[in-house]
Amino acid sequence: MLKDQRREQLLEVACEIVREAGTDALTLNTLAQRAGVTKPLTYRHFATRQGLLAQMYRHYDSQFVEAVKQAEAEQKTSLAELCTLVCCAYLDCAVRCGPEYEAIVAALRGYPEYQNITTDIRDFFTDFYSELFADYIQLPAPQSKLLYWAIHGAINEVANAVACGHATPQETITRLSQLLQRMLGADDC
C-alpha cells in the first residue's frame, strides 16, 4: 500500500475507534492492532498519539473543504447556491462526524501546544471562506476577517444544534443559507 493510502486507512481506523470507544481508547498501539499493522508503522505515520489526534481533526476539516470544492467545480454557482452548498456540506460533516470531531478537539486541548486549537480551527475555516467567497465580496482585510469569523460561528453553532438533534438539516439549510447571504450582503435573499 502506498504511504498516503496507508495514512488514510489508519485515519479511518482511528476514527472508528473514537466512534466506538472514545478518544481515551485511542493509542498508537490500539490503532496498530485494529489496523493489522505493526506499531512502528503507526509511529512512522503519526509519531505520537497527539500527532494522530491532530491529523484526525485536520482530516475531518479537509473532508469538508474537499466536498465544497468538488461540488463547486461540478457546477457554476451563484452566491445563493454557494451558500446552500456550504451549509449542506458543513451540516453533513457535523451529523456524520460531529461527536467524534468534538471529542478529538477536546482531547487535543489537554496538550499544552493545542491550547489554541479552537482559534486555529476558526482561522482555517475563515481562510477557506475568504477564498471561497472572494468573487462575491470585496472588503478590506479587517472587515472581511470579522465577517468570516461570524459566518464560521453561525455555521458551526447551527451544525452543532443539528448534530445534537435540536433541529433537522432540512429545516435549517434554507434559513442558514439565507442568513449567510445576508451576512455577505446579497440583496436578493
N, C-alpha and C. Protein backbone atom coordinates (compact mmCIF):
# COMPACT_ATOMS: atom_id res chain seq x y z
N MET A 1 0.85 -1.18 0.00
CA MET A 1 0.00 0.00 0.00
C MET A 1 0.90 1.24 0.00
N LEU A 2 0.55 2.25 -0.79
CA LEU A 2 1.31 3.48 -0.82
C LEU A 2 1.18 4.24 0.50
N LYS A 3 2.17 5.08 0.79
CA LYS A 3 2.22 5.78 2.07
C LYS A 3 0.95 6.60 2.33
N ASP A 4 0.50 7.37 1.35
CA ASP A 4 -0.71 8.19 1.54
C ASP A 4 -1.95 7.32 1.74
N GLN A 5 -2.02 6.22 1.01
CA GLN A 5 -3.15 5.30 1.17
C GLN A 5 -3.15 4.68 2.57
N ARG A 6 -1.96 4.30 3.03
CA ARG A 6 -1.86 3.72 4.38
C ARG A 6 -2.28 4.74 5.43
N ARG A 7 -1.82 5.99 5.29
CA ARG A 7 -2.19 7.03 6.25
C ARG A 7 -3.73 7.20 6.27
N GLU A 8 -4.34 7.23 5.11
CA GLU A 8 -5.80 7.35 5.04
C GLU A 8 -6.48 6.17 5.73
N GLN A 9 -5.96 4.97 5.47
CA GLN A 9 -6.52 3.78 6.11
C GLN A 9 -6.40 3.88 7.63
N LEU A 10 -5.24 4.30 8.11
CA LEU A 10 -5.02 4.41 9.55
C LEU A 10 -5.93 5.49 10.16
N LEU A 11 -6.11 6.58 9.45
CA LEU A 11 -7.01 7.64 9.95
C LEU A 11 -8.45 7.13 10.03
N GLU A 12 -8.87 6.38 9.04
CA GLU A 12 -10.23 5.82 9.06
C GLU A 12 -10.41 4.85 10.22
N VAL A 13 -9.42 4.01 10.45
CA VAL A 13 -9.49 3.06 11.57
C VAL A 13 -9.49 3.82 12.89
N ALA A 14 -8.67 4.86 12.99
CA ALA A 14 -8.64 5.67 14.22
C ALA A 14 -10.00 6.33 14.46
N CYS A 15 -10.64 6.79 13.41
CA CYS A 15 -11.97 7.38 13.55
C CYS A 15 -12.98 6.35 14.04
N GLU A 16 -12.87 5.12 13.54
CA GLU A 16 -13.76 4.04 14.01
C GLU A 16 -13.56 3.79 15.49
N ILE A 17 -12.31 3.78 15.95
CA ILE A 17 -12.01 3.55 17.37
C ILE A 17 -12.65 4.65 18.21
N VAL A 18 -12.48 5.90 17.80
CA VAL A 18 -13.06 7.02 18.55
C VAL A 18 -14.58 6.94 18.54
N ARG A 19 -15.16 6.60 17.39
CA ARG A 19 -16.62 6.50 17.27
C ARG A 19 -17.17 5.42 18.21
N GLU A 20 -16.46 4.31 18.30
CA GLU A 20 -16.94 3.18 19.08
C GLU A 20 -16.59 3.26 20.57
N ALA A 21 -15.41 3.79 20.90
CA ALA A 21 -14.94 3.70 22.28
C ALA A 21 -14.43 5.02 22.87
N GLY A 22 -14.43 6.08 22.09
CA GLY A 22 -13.97 7.37 22.60
C GLY A 22 -12.48 7.57 22.43
N THR A 23 -12.04 8.80 22.68
CA THR A 23 -10.63 9.13 22.47
C THR A 23 -9.71 8.47 23.49
N ASP A 24 -10.21 8.17 24.67
CA ASP A 24 -9.35 7.52 25.67
C ASP A 24 -8.87 6.14 25.20
N ALA A 25 -9.64 5.49 24.35
CA ALA A 25 -9.28 4.17 23.85
C ALA A 25 -8.27 4.22 22.70
N LEU A 26 -8.03 5.42 22.18
CA LEU A 26 -7.16 5.54 21.02
C LEU A 26 -5.70 5.74 21.43
N THR A 27 -4.89 4.76 21.10
CA THR A 27 -3.44 4.85 21.25
C THR A 27 -2.84 4.37 19.94
N LEU A 28 -1.57 4.63 19.75
CA LEU A 28 -0.92 4.13 18.55
C LEU A 28 -0.87 2.60 18.55
N ASN A 29 -0.78 2.01 19.73
CA ASN A 29 -0.78 0.56 19.84
C ASN A 29 -2.15 -0.02 19.47
N THR A 30 -3.24 0.55 20.00
CA THR A 30 -4.57 0.03 19.65
C THR A 30 -4.85 0.25 18.17
N LEU A 31 -4.37 1.36 17.64
CA LEU A 31 -4.54 1.62 16.21
C LEU A 31 -3.81 0.55 15.39
N ALA A 32 -2.58 0.24 15.76
CA ALA A 32 -1.82 -0.78 15.04
C ALA A 32 -2.52 -2.13 15.09
N GLN A 33 -2.98 -2.52 16.29
CA GLN A 33 -3.67 -3.81 16.44
C GLN A 33 -4.93 -3.85 15.59
N ARG A 34 -5.73 -2.81 15.67
CA ARG A 34 -7.01 -2.78 14.95
C ARG A 34 -6.80 -2.74 13.43
N ALA A 35 -5.76 -2.04 12.99
CA ALA A 35 -5.50 -1.91 11.54
C ALA A 35 -4.71 -3.09 10.99
N GLY A 36 -4.20 -3.95 11.89
CA GLY A 36 -3.45 -5.10 11.43
C GLY A 36 -2.07 -4.73 10.90
N VAL A 37 -1.47 -3.71 11.50
CA VAL A 37 -0.12 -3.29 11.10
C VAL A 37 0.78 -3.30 12.34
N THR A 38 2.05 -3.07 12.13
CA THR A 38 2.97 -3.04 13.25
C THR A 38 2.91 -1.68 13.95
N LYS A 39 3.26 -1.70 15.22
CA LYS A 39 3.27 -0.46 16.00
C LYS A 39 4.28 0.55 15.41
N PRO A 40 5.48 0.11 15.00
CA PRO A 40 6.41 1.07 14.40
C PRO A 40 5.83 1.78 13.17
N LEU A 41 4.99 1.09 12.42
CA LEU A 41 4.37 1.72 11.25
C LEU A 41 3.49 2.90 11.67
N THR A 42 2.71 2.70 12.73
CA THR A 42 1.86 3.81 13.18
C THR A 42 2.72 4.96 13.69
N TYR A 43 3.84 4.66 14.33
CA TYR A 43 4.74 5.71 14.80
C TYR A 43 5.39 6.47 13.64
N ARG A 44 5.67 5.76 12.55
CA ARG A 44 6.25 6.45 11.38
C ARG A 44 5.25 7.43 10.78
N HIS A 45 3.98 7.10 10.83
CA HIS A 45 2.96 7.98 10.26
C HIS A 45 2.59 9.14 11.19
N PHE A 46 2.55 8.90 12.49
CA PHE A 46 2.00 9.91 13.40
C PHE A 46 2.93 10.32 14.54
N ALA A 47 3.96 9.58 14.81
CA ALA A 47 4.97 9.85 15.84
C ALA A 47 4.41 9.74 17.26
N THR A 48 3.29 10.38 17.54
CA THR A 48 2.71 10.36 18.89
C THR A 48 1.19 10.28 18.79
N ARG A 49 0.57 9.98 19.91
CA ARG A 49 -0.90 9.99 19.97
C ARG A 49 -1.42 11.38 19.65
N GLN A 50 -0.74 12.37 20.18
CA GLN A 50 -1.11 13.76 19.94
C GLN A 50 -1.03 14.08 18.44
N GLY A 51 0.01 13.60 17.77
CA GLY A 51 0.14 13.79 16.33
C GLY A 51 -0.98 13.12 15.56
N LEU A 52 -1.38 11.94 16.02
CA LEU A 52 -2.50 11.24 15.41
C LEU A 52 -3.78 12.04 15.57
N LEU A 53 -4.07 12.50 16.77
CA LEU A 53 -5.28 13.30 17.02
C LEU A 53 -5.28 14.57 16.17
N ALA A 54 -4.14 15.22 16.05
CA ALA A 54 -4.05 16.44 15.24
C ALA A 54 -4.35 16.14 13.77
N GLN A 55 -3.81 15.04 13.27
CA GLN A 55 -4.08 14.70 11.88
C GLN A 55 -5.54 14.29 11.68
N MET A 56 -6.14 13.72 12.71
CA MET A 56 -7.55 13.34 12.60
C MET A 56 -8.45 14.57 12.47
N TYR A 57 -8.22 15.59 13.30
CA TYR A 57 -9.09 16.76 13.19
C TYR A 57 -8.86 17.47 11.85
N ARG A 58 -7.62 17.51 11.40
CA ARG A 58 -7.34 18.12 10.09
C ARG A 58 -7.98 17.30 8.96
N HIS A 59 -8.02 16.00 9.14
CA HIS A 59 -8.64 15.11 8.15
C HIS A 59 -10.13 15.45 8.00
N TYR A 60 -10.81 15.62 9.11
CA TYR A 60 -12.23 15.99 9.07
C TYR A 60 -12.41 17.35 8.40
N ASP A 61 -11.60 18.34 8.76
CA ASP A 61 -11.70 19.66 8.16
C ASP A 61 -11.45 19.60 6.66
N SER A 62 -10.48 18.81 6.25
CA SER A 62 -10.17 18.67 4.83
C SER A 62 -11.29 18.00 4.07
N GLN A 63 -11.98 17.06 4.70
CA GLN A 63 -13.11 16.40 4.04
C GLN A 63 -14.19 17.42 3.69
N PHE A 64 -14.46 18.35 4.61
CA PHE A 64 -15.45 19.39 4.35
C PHE A 64 -15.00 20.27 3.18
N VAL A 65 -13.77 20.74 3.24
CA VAL A 65 -13.26 21.63 2.19
C VAL A 65 -13.29 20.93 0.84
N GLU A 66 -12.88 19.69 0.79
CA GLU A 66 -12.88 18.94 -0.48
C GLU A 66 -14.31 18.74 -1.00
N ALA A 67 -15.25 18.47 -0.11
CA ALA A 67 -16.65 18.30 -0.53
C ALA A 67 -17.18 19.58 -1.16
N VAL A 68 -16.88 20.72 -0.56
CA VAL A 68 -17.33 22.00 -1.11
C VAL A 68 -16.66 22.28 -2.45
N LYS A 69 -15.35 22.09 -2.52
CA LYS A 69 -14.63 22.36 -3.76
C LYS A 69 -15.10 21.46 -4.90
N GLN A 70 -15.33 20.20 -4.58
CA GLN A 70 -15.80 19.27 -5.62
C GLN A 70 -17.19 19.66 -6.11
N ALA A 71 -18.08 19.97 -5.19
CA ALA A 71 -19.44 20.37 -5.59
C ALA A 71 -19.42 21.67 -6.38
N GLU A 72 -18.58 22.61 -5.96
CA GLU A 72 -18.49 23.89 -6.68
C GLU A 72 -17.92 23.67 -8.09
N ALA A 73 -16.96 22.78 -8.23
CA ALA A 73 -16.34 22.53 -9.53
C ALA A 73 -17.32 21.86 -10.50
N GLU A 74 -18.28 21.13 -9.96
CA GLU A 74 -19.24 20.43 -10.80
C GLU A 74 -20.29 21.35 -11.40
N GLN A 75 -20.42 22.55 -10.85
CA GLN A 75 -21.43 23.47 -11.36
C GLN A 75 -20.98 24.91 -11.13
N LYS A 76 -21.35 25.78 -12.03
CA LYS A 76 -21.11 27.20 -11.81
C LYS A 76 -22.18 27.66 -10.84
N THR A 77 -21.77 28.28 -9.75
CA THR A 77 -22.73 28.59 -8.69
C THR A 77 -22.90 30.09 -8.51
N SER A 78 -24.13 30.44 -8.16
CA SER A 78 -24.43 31.80 -7.73
C SER A 78 -24.07 31.89 -6.25
N LEU A 79 -24.14 33.08 -5.69
CA LEU A 79 -23.86 33.23 -4.26
C LEU A 79 -24.87 32.42 -3.44
N ALA A 80 -26.13 32.46 -3.82
CA ALA A 80 -27.15 31.71 -3.09
C ALA A 80 -26.85 30.21 -3.14
N GLU A 81 -26.49 29.70 -4.32
CA GLU A 81 -26.18 28.28 -4.45
C GLU A 81 -24.92 27.91 -3.67
N LEU A 82 -23.94 28.80 -3.67
CA LEU A 82 -22.71 28.54 -2.95
C LEU A 82 -22.97 28.51 -1.44
N CYS A 83 -23.80 29.42 -0.94
CA CYS A 83 -24.13 29.43 0.48
C CYS A 83 -24.86 28.14 0.87
N THR A 84 -25.78 27.71 0.03
CA THR A 84 -26.51 26.47 0.30
C THR A 84 -25.55 25.27 0.27
N LEU A 85 -24.65 25.26 -0.70
CA LEU A 85 -23.67 24.20 -0.81
C LEU A 85 -22.81 24.12 0.45
N VAL A 86 -22.34 25.25 0.94
CA VAL A 86 -21.52 25.29 2.16
C VAL A 86 -22.32 24.76 3.34
N CYS A 87 -23.55 25.22 3.47
CA CYS A 87 -24.39 24.78 4.59
C CYS A 87 -24.64 23.28 4.54
N CYS A 88 -24.97 22.78 3.37
CA CYS A 88 -25.22 21.33 3.23
C CYS A 88 -23.98 20.52 3.59
N ALA A 89 -22.83 20.93 3.07
CA ALA A 89 -21.60 20.18 3.33
C ALA A 89 -21.22 20.22 4.80
N TYR A 90 -21.33 21.39 5.43
CA TYR A 90 -20.94 21.50 6.83
C TYR A 90 -21.90 20.71 7.72
N LEU A 91 -23.20 20.83 7.45
CA LEU A 91 -24.17 20.07 8.26
C LEU A 91 -24.00 18.58 8.07
N ASP A 92 -23.70 18.16 6.84
CA ASP A 92 -23.45 16.75 6.59
C ASP A 92 -22.27 16.25 7.41
N CYS A 93 -21.18 17.02 7.41
CA CYS A 93 -20.00 16.64 8.21
C CYS A 93 -20.33 16.61 9.69
N ALA A 94 -21.09 17.59 10.16
CA ALA A 94 -21.43 17.66 11.58
C ALA A 94 -22.28 16.47 12.01
N VAL A 95 -23.21 16.09 11.18
CA VAL A 95 -24.08 14.96 11.51
C VAL A 95 -23.29 13.65 11.47
N ARG A 96 -22.45 13.49 10.44
CA ARG A 96 -21.66 12.26 10.29
C ARG A 96 -20.55 12.14 11.33
N CYS A 97 -19.88 13.25 11.64
CA CYS A 97 -18.64 13.18 12.42
C CYS A 97 -18.62 14.08 13.65
N GLY A 98 -19.67 14.83 13.89
CA GLY A 98 -19.66 15.83 14.95
C GLY A 98 -19.19 15.36 16.31
N PRO A 99 -19.80 14.32 16.87
CA PRO A 99 -19.37 13.87 18.20
C PRO A 99 -17.91 13.43 18.24
N GLU A 100 -17.46 12.74 17.20
CA GLU A 100 -16.06 12.29 17.14
C GLU A 100 -15.13 13.49 17.04
N TYR A 101 -15.48 14.42 16.17
CA TYR A 101 -14.65 15.61 15.96
C TYR A 101 -14.52 16.39 17.26
N GLU A 102 -15.63 16.60 17.94
CA GLU A 102 -15.60 17.34 19.21
C GLU A 102 -14.77 16.61 20.26
N ALA A 103 -14.85 15.29 20.28
CA ALA A 103 -14.06 14.50 21.24
C ALA A 103 -12.57 14.62 20.92
N ILE A 104 -12.23 14.62 19.65
CA ILE A 104 -10.83 14.74 19.23
C ILE A 104 -10.28 16.12 19.62
N VAL A 105 -11.06 17.15 19.34
CA VAL A 105 -10.63 18.51 19.69
C VAL A 105 -10.49 18.65 21.21
N ALA A 106 -11.43 18.09 21.95
CA ALA A 106 -11.35 18.15 23.41
C ALA A 106 -10.11 17.43 23.92
N ALA A 107 -9.78 16.28 23.33
CA ALA A 107 -8.58 15.55 23.74
C ALA A 107 -7.32 16.35 23.43
N LEU A 108 -7.30 17.03 22.30
CA LEU A 108 -6.13 17.83 21.94
C LEU A 108 -5.94 19.02 22.88
N ARG A 109 -7.02 19.55 23.40
CA ARG A 109 -6.91 20.68 24.33
C ARG A 109 -6.12 20.30 25.58
N GLY A 110 -6.00 19.02 25.86
CA GLY A 110 -5.23 18.56 27.00
C GLY A 110 -3.72 18.67 26.81
N TYR A 111 -3.29 18.95 25.60
CA TYR A 111 -1.87 19.12 25.31
C TYR A 111 -1.57 20.61 25.25
N PRO A 112 -0.52 21.05 25.96
CA PRO A 112 -0.21 22.49 26.02
C PRO A 112 -0.10 23.17 24.65
N GLU A 113 0.48 22.49 23.68
CA GLU A 113 0.65 23.12 22.38
C GLU A 113 -0.64 23.25 21.58
N TYR A 114 -1.73 22.67 22.08
CA TYR A 114 -3.03 22.77 21.40
C TYR A 114 -4.05 23.58 22.20
N GLN A 115 -3.57 24.41 23.11
CA GLN A 115 -4.49 25.24 23.89
C GLN A 115 -5.28 26.19 23.00
N ASN A 116 -4.73 26.55 21.86
CA ASN A 116 -5.40 27.49 20.94
C ASN A 116 -6.04 26.78 19.76
N ILE A 117 -6.38 25.53 19.91
CA ILE A 117 -6.91 24.77 18.78
C ILE A 117 -8.20 25.36 18.24
N THR A 118 -9.05 25.88 19.10
CA THR A 118 -10.30 26.47 18.63
C THR A 118 -10.01 27.66 17.72
N THR A 119 -9.05 28.46 18.07
CA THR A 119 -8.65 29.59 17.24
C THR A 119 -8.06 29.10 15.92
N ASP A 120 -7.25 28.06 15.97
CA ASP A 120 -6.66 27.50 14.75
C ASP A 120 -7.75 26.98 13.81
N ILE A 121 -8.74 26.30 14.36
CA ILE A 121 -9.84 25.78 13.54
C ILE A 121 -10.62 26.93 12.92
N ARG A 122 -10.94 27.92 13.75
CA ARG A 122 -11.68 29.09 13.24
C ARG A 122 -10.91 29.75 12.11
N ASP A 123 -9.61 29.94 12.31
CA ASP A 123 -8.80 30.59 11.28
C ASP A 123 -8.72 29.76 10.00
N PHE A 124 -8.64 28.45 10.14
CA PHE A 124 -8.64 27.57 8.96
C PHE A 124 -9.92 27.79 8.14
N PHE A 125 -11.05 27.78 8.83
CA PHE A 125 -12.32 27.95 8.12
C PHE A 125 -12.49 29.36 7.58
N THR A 126 -12.08 30.37 8.32
CA THR A 126 -12.24 31.73 7.82
C THR A 126 -11.35 31.97 6.60
N ASP A 127 -10.16 31.39 6.58
CA ASP A 127 -9.31 31.49 5.39
C ASP A 127 -9.99 30.81 4.19
N PHE A 128 -10.59 29.65 4.45
CA PHE A 128 -11.29 28.96 3.36
C PHE A 128 -12.48 29.77 2.86
N TYR A 129 -13.28 30.32 3.78
CA TYR A 129 -14.44 31.12 3.35
C TYR A 129 -14.00 32.37 2.61
N SER A 130 -12.91 32.97 3.03
CA SER A 130 -12.39 34.16 2.36
C SER A 130 -12.05 33.84 0.91
N GLU A 131 -11.42 32.70 0.71
CA GLU A 131 -11.08 32.26 -0.65
C GLU A 131 -12.33 31.89 -1.44
N LEU A 132 -13.23 31.16 -0.80
CA LEU A 132 -14.43 30.66 -1.46
C LEU A 132 -15.35 31.78 -1.94
N PHE A 133 -15.53 32.80 -1.11
CA PHE A 133 -16.46 33.88 -1.42
C PHE A 133 -15.78 35.10 -2.04
N ALA A 134 -14.51 34.98 -2.42
CA ALA A 134 -13.74 36.12 -2.93
C ALA A 134 -14.38 36.77 -4.16
N ASP A 135 -15.02 35.98 -5.01
CA ASP A 135 -15.64 36.54 -6.22
C ASP A 135 -16.92 37.32 -5.91
N TYR A 136 -17.45 37.16 -4.71
CA TYR A 136 -18.74 37.76 -4.37
C TYR A 136 -18.63 38.94 -3.41
N ILE A 137 -17.51 39.07 -2.73
CA ILE A 137 -17.40 40.12 -1.73
C ILE A 137 -15.99 40.69 -1.71
N GLN A 138 -15.92 41.98 -1.68
CA GLN A 138 -14.64 42.68 -1.64
C GLN A 138 -14.66 43.63 -0.44
N LEU A 139 -14.04 43.24 0.63
CA LEU A 139 -13.96 44.07 1.83
C LEU A 139 -12.51 44.22 2.24
N PRO A 140 -12.18 45.31 2.93
CA PRO A 140 -10.83 45.41 3.49
C PRO A 140 -10.58 44.26 4.47
N ALA A 141 -9.33 43.89 4.61
CA ALA A 141 -8.96 42.72 5.43
C ALA A 141 -9.58 42.69 6.83
N PRO A 142 -9.52 43.77 7.62
CA PRO A 142 -10.09 43.67 8.97
C PRO A 142 -11.60 43.38 8.96
N GLN A 143 -12.32 44.02 8.03
CA GLN A 143 -13.77 43.80 7.96
C GLN A 143 -14.09 42.40 7.46
N SER A 144 -13.35 41.93 6.47
CA SER A 144 -13.65 40.59 5.95
C SER A 144 -13.32 39.52 6.99
N LYS A 145 -12.25 39.70 7.76
CA LYS A 145 -11.91 38.72 8.79
C LYS A 145 -13.04 38.61 9.81
N LEU A 146 -13.57 39.74 10.26
CA LEU A 146 -14.70 39.73 11.19
C LEU A 146 -15.92 39.05 10.59
N LEU A 147 -16.18 39.35 9.32
CA LEU A 147 -17.32 38.74 8.64
C LEU A 147 -17.17 37.23 8.57
N TYR A 148 -16.00 36.75 8.20
CA TYR A 148 -15.81 35.31 8.07
C TYR A 148 -15.77 34.61 9.43
N TRP A 149 -15.32 35.30 10.46
CA TRP A 149 -15.43 34.74 11.81
C TRP A 149 -16.90 34.56 12.16
N ALA A 150 -17.70 35.56 11.86
CA ALA A 150 -19.14 35.49 12.15
C ALA A 150 -19.81 34.38 11.35
N ILE A 151 -19.44 34.25 10.10
CA ILE A 151 -20.00 33.18 9.26
C ILE A 151 -19.64 31.82 9.84
N HIS A 152 -18.37 31.65 10.19
CA HIS A 152 -17.97 30.36 10.77
C HIS A 152 -18.73 30.10 12.06
N GLY A 153 -18.84 31.10 12.91
CA GLY A 153 -19.57 30.92 14.17
C GLY A 153 -21.01 30.51 13.95
N ALA A 154 -21.67 31.16 13.00
CA ALA A 154 -23.07 30.84 12.72
C ALA A 154 -23.21 29.41 12.20
N ILE A 155 -22.41 29.07 11.21
CA ILE A 155 -22.49 27.72 10.63
C ILE A 155 -22.16 26.67 11.68
N ASN A 156 -21.13 26.89 12.44
CA ASN A 156 -20.70 25.90 13.43
C ASN A 156 -21.76 25.70 14.52
N GLU A 157 -22.32 26.76 15.02
CA GLU A 157 -23.32 26.62 16.09
C GLU A 157 -24.60 25.94 15.59
N VAL A 158 -25.04 26.30 14.40
CA VAL A 158 -26.23 25.65 13.85
C VAL A 158 -25.93 24.18 13.58
N ALA A 159 -24.75 23.89 13.06
CA ALA A 159 -24.37 22.49 12.80
C ALA A 159 -24.33 21.69 14.09
N ASN A 160 -23.81 22.29 15.16
CA ASN A 160 -23.80 21.60 16.46
C ASN A 160 -25.21 21.31 16.94
N ALA A 161 -26.12 22.26 16.74
CA ALA A 161 -27.52 22.05 17.13
C ALA A 161 -28.14 20.90 16.34
N VAL A 162 -27.84 20.84 15.06
CA VAL A 162 -28.35 19.74 14.23
C VAL A 162 -27.74 18.42 14.67
N ALA A 163 -26.43 18.40 14.91
CA ALA A 163 -25.75 17.17 15.32
C ALA A 163 -26.29 16.65 16.65
N CYS A 164 -26.74 17.56 17.51
CA CYS A 164 -27.29 17.17 18.82
C CYS A 164 -28.77 16.82 18.74
N GLY A 165 -29.37 16.95 17.56
CA GLY A 165 -30.77 16.60 17.39
C GLY A 165 -31.76 17.69 17.75
N HIS A 166 -31.30 18.93 17.91
CA HIS A 166 -32.19 20.03 18.25
C HIS A 166 -32.90 20.61 17.03
N ALA A 167 -32.45 20.25 15.85
CA ALA A 167 -33.07 20.70 14.60
C ALA A 167 -32.69 19.69 13.53
N THR A 168 -33.44 19.70 12.44
CA THR A 168 -33.12 18.79 11.33
C THR A 168 -32.38 19.57 10.25
N PRO A 169 -31.54 18.86 9.49
CA PRO A 169 -30.82 19.55 8.41
C PRO A 169 -31.77 20.22 7.42
N GLN A 170 -32.86 19.54 7.11
CA GLN A 170 -33.79 20.08 6.13
C GLN A 170 -34.35 21.45 6.56
N GLU A 171 -34.70 21.57 7.84
CA GLU A 171 -35.30 22.82 8.28
C GLU A 171 -34.28 23.93 8.49
N THR A 172 -33.01 23.59 8.58
CA THR A 172 -32.01 24.62 8.86
C THR A 172 -31.24 25.09 7.63
N ILE A 173 -31.10 24.25 6.63
CA ILE A 173 -30.26 24.61 5.48
C ILE A 173 -30.74 25.89 4.80
N THR A 174 -32.02 25.97 4.51
CA THR A 174 -32.54 27.14 3.81
C THR A 174 -32.34 28.41 4.64
N ARG A 175 -32.70 28.34 5.91
CA ARG A 175 -32.58 29.53 6.76
C ARG A 175 -31.11 29.92 6.98
N LEU A 176 -30.28 28.94 7.20
CA LEU A 176 -28.86 29.24 7.40
C LEU A 176 -28.25 29.82 6.12
N SER A 177 -28.62 29.27 4.98
CA SER A 177 -28.12 29.79 3.71
C SER A 177 -28.57 31.24 3.52
N GLN A 178 -29.81 31.52 3.83
CA GLN A 178 -30.31 32.90 3.71
C GLN A 178 -29.55 33.84 4.66
N LEU A 179 -29.28 33.37 5.86
CA LEU A 179 -28.50 34.17 6.81
C LEU A 179 -27.12 34.48 6.25
N LEU A 180 -26.45 33.47 5.70
CA LEU A 180 -25.12 33.69 5.12
C LEU A 180 -25.18 34.69 3.98
N GLN A 181 -26.20 34.57 3.14
CA GLN A 181 -26.34 35.51 2.03
C GLN A 181 -26.51 36.94 2.54
N ARG A 182 -27.30 37.10 3.57
CA ARG A 182 -27.47 38.45 4.16
C ARG A 182 -26.16 38.95 4.74
N MET A 183 -25.44 38.06 5.43
CA MET A 183 -24.16 38.46 6.00
C MET A 183 -23.17 38.89 4.93
N LEU A 184 -23.27 38.24 3.77
CA LEU A 184 -22.38 38.55 2.65
C LEU A 184 -22.89 39.72 1.82
N GLY A 185 -24.03 40.27 2.21
CA GLY A 185 -24.55 41.47 1.55
C GLY A 185 -25.35 41.21 0.29
N ALA A 186 -25.87 40.00 0.12
CA ALA A 186 -26.70 39.71 -1.06
C ALA A 186 -28.04 40.43 -0.92
N ASP A 187 -28.46 41.04 -2.00
CA ASP A 187 -29.71 41.81 -1.97
C ASP A 187 -30.94 40.98 -2.32
N ASP A 188 -30.76 39.83 -2.91
CA ASP A 188 -31.90 39.08 -3.44
C ASP A 188 -32.34 37.91 -2.56
N CYS A 189 -31.99 37.90 -1.28
CA CYS A 189 -32.39 36.76 -0.45
C CYS A 189 -33.55 37.11 0.46
